[in-house]
Amino acid sequence: MTEYHCTYKKVFPVDEYGRLGGLYSLADVPIMEHKELTRTGVIESTNEEEQFYLVRDTEKNFTEWIPMADVTSLWFE
């Protein structure tokens, strides 16, 4: 099966150390700000009508619907 790897941009809550916070972390550290991060992922599904990709984050293994305009650098494995 071919996997479609990508990089994507999304605004995430981050802690005082710049790490993912809130629901994306198990650490009990307060959220300091919301910051746009660029992360790597794998495209799981597409919604051509609404122009979104369902992307699975490669580091934390969560999925998010990301606008197609915010997904770049596609490569195959």
C-alpha atoms as a PDB file:
ATOM      1  CA  MET A   1       0.000   0.000   0.000  1.00  0.00           C
ATOM      2  CA  THR A   2       1.289   3.445  -0.908  1.00  0.00           C
ATOM      3  CA  GLU A   3       1.433   6.022   1.880  1.00  0.00           C
ATOM      4  CA  TYR A   4       1.222   9.722   1.053  1.00  0.00           C
ATOM      5  CA  HIS A   5       3.514  11.591   3.441  1.00  0.00           C
ATOM      6  CA  CYS A   6       3.270  15.361   3.809  1.00  0.00           C
ATOM      7  CA  THR A   7       3.986  18.378   5.934  1.00  0.00           C
ATOM      8  CA  TYR A   8       1.085  20.438   7.202  1.00  0.00           C
ATOM      9  CA  LYS A   9       0.457  23.679   9.099  1.00  0.00           C
ATOM     10  CA  LYS A  10      -2.076  24.070  11.906  1.00  0.00           C
ATOM     11  CA  VAL A  11      -2.539  26.282  14.965  1.00  0.00           C
ATOM     12  CA  PHE A  12      -1.916  24.247  18.135  1.00  0.00           C
ATOM     13  CA  PRO A  13      -1.918  25.088  21.855  1.00  0.00           C
ATOM     14  CA  VAL A  14       1.671  25.048  23.159  1.00  0.00           C
ATOM     15  CA  ASP A  15       3.169  25.089  26.656  1.00  0.00           C
ATOM     16  CA  GLU A  16       5.903  27.390  27.937  1.00  0.00           C
ATOM     17  CA  TYR A  17       8.546  25.131  26.326  1.00  0.00           C
ATOM     18  CA  GLY A  18       6.969  25.251  22.844  1.00  0.00           C
ATOM     19  CA  ARG A  19       5.640  21.673  23.015  1.00  0.00           C
ATOM     20  CA  LEU A  20       2.137  20.583  22.052  1.00  0.00           C
ATOM     21  CA  GLY A  21      -0.216  21.100  24.959  1.00  0.00           C
ATOM     22  CA  GLY A  22      -3.853  20.711  25.871  1.00  0.00           C
ATOM     23  CA  LEU A  23      -5.548  17.617  24.452  1.00  0.00           C
ATOM     24  CA  TYR A  24      -2.414  16.795  22.420  1.00  0.00           C
ATOM     25  CA  SER A  25      -0.282  16.124  25.506  1.00  0.00           C
ATOM     26  CA  LEU A  26      -0.370  13.964  28.618  1.00  0.00           C
ATOM     27  CA  ALA A  27       1.690  16.481  30.593  1.00  0.00           C
ATOM     28  CA  ASP A  28      -0.151  18.690  33.061  1.00  0.00           C
ATOM     29  CA  VAL A  29       1.530  21.919  31.964  1.00  0.00           C
ATOM     30  CA  PRO A  30      -0.533  25.089  31.324  1.00  0.00           C
ATOM     31  CA  ILE A  31      -1.063  26.323  27.778  1.00  0.00           C
ATOM     32  CA  MET A  32       0.888  29.528  27.244  1.00  0.00           C
ATOM     33  CA  GLU A  33      -0.180  30.432  23.687  1.00  0.00           C
ATOM     34  CA  HIS A  34      -1.534  29.171  20.398  1.00  0.00           C
ATOM     35  CA  LYS A  35       1.077  28.908  17.659  1.00  0.00           C
ATOM     36  CA  GLU A  36       1.064  27.775  14.028  1.00  0.00           C
ATOM     37  CA  LEU A  37       3.312  24.720  13.784  1.00  0.00           C
ATOM     38  CA  THR A  38       4.508  22.781  10.752  1.00  0.00           C
ATOM     39  CA  ARG A  39       4.422  19.030  11.369  1.00  0.00           C
ATOM     40  CA  THR A  40       4.791  15.840   9.326  1.00  0.00           C
ATOM     41  CA  GLY A  41       1.943  13.472   8.655  1.00  0.00           C
ATOM     42  CA  VAL A  42       0.377  10.848   6.418  1.00  0.00           C
ATOM     43  CA  ILE A  43      -2.743  11.534   4.354  1.00  0.00           C
ATOM     44  CA  GLU A  44      -5.454   9.068   5.375  1.00  0.00           C
ATOM     45  CA  SER A  45      -8.407  10.421   3.372  1.00  0.00           C
ATOM     46  CA  THR A  46      -9.559  13.326   1.210  1.00  0.00           C
ATOM     47  CA  ASN A  47     -12.706  15.411   0.967  1.00  0.00           C
ATOM     48  CA  GLU A  48     -12.555  16.947  -2.511  1.00  0.00           C
ATOM     49  CA  GLU A  49     -15.893  18.736  -2.096  1.00  0.00           C
ATOM     50  CA  GLU A  50     -14.788  20.686   0.995  1.00  0.00           C
ATOM     51  CA  GLN A  51     -11.058  20.731   0.001  1.00  0.00           C
ATOM     52  CA  PHE A  52      -9.692  18.973   3.112  1.00  0.00           C
ATOM     53  CA  TYR A  53      -7.238  16.136   3.827  1.00  0.00           C
ATOM     54  CA  LEU A  54      -7.527  13.865   6.840  1.00  0.00           C
ATOM     55  CA  VAL A  55      -3.920  13.815   8.080  1.00  0.00           C
ATOM     56  CA  ARG A  56      -2.483  11.435  10.699  1.00  0.00           C
ATOM     57  CA  ASP A  57       0.363  13.079  12.605  1.00  0.00           C
ATOM     58  CA  THR A  58       3.463  10.859  12.430  1.00  0.00           C
ATOM     59  CA  GLU A  59       4.836  11.809  15.862  1.00  0.00           C
ATOM     60  CA  LYS A  60       1.700  11.797  18.072  1.00  0.00           C
ATOM     61  CA  ASN A  61      -0.570   9.584  15.884  1.00  0.00           C
ATOM     62  CA  PHE A  62      -3.704  11.797  16.094  1.00  0.00           C
ATOM     63  CA  THR A  63      -5.804  12.689  13.034  1.00  0.00           C
ATOM     64  CA  GLU A  64      -7.042  16.132  11.985  1.00  0.00           C
ATOM     65  CA  TRP A  65      -8.909  17.518   8.972  1.00  0.00           C
ATOM     66  CA  ILE A  66      -6.513  20.031   7.372  1.00  0.00           C
ATOM     67  CA  PRO A  67      -7.361  22.406   4.486  1.00  0.00           C
ATOM     68  CA  MET A  68      -5.613  21.325   1.276  1.00  0.00           C
ATOM     69  CA  ALA A  69      -3.946  24.747   1.041  1.00  0.00           C
ATOM     70  CA  ASP A  70      -2.096  24.033   4.330  1.00  0.00           C
ATOM     71  CA  VAL A  71      -0.674  20.661   3.182  1.00  0.00           C
ATOM     72  CA  THR A  72       2.603  20.662   1.224  1.00  0.00           C
ATOM     73  CA  SER A  73       5.606  18.559   0.307  1.00  0.00           C
ATOM     74  CA  LEU A  74       3.816  15.372  -0.687  1.00  0.00           C
ATOM     75  CA  TRP A  75       6.017  12.298  -1.170  1.00  0.00           C
ATOM     76  CA  PHE A  76       5.262   8.603  -1.505  1.00  0.00           C
ATOM     77  CA  GLU A  77       6.557   5.488   0.265  1.00  0.00           C
END
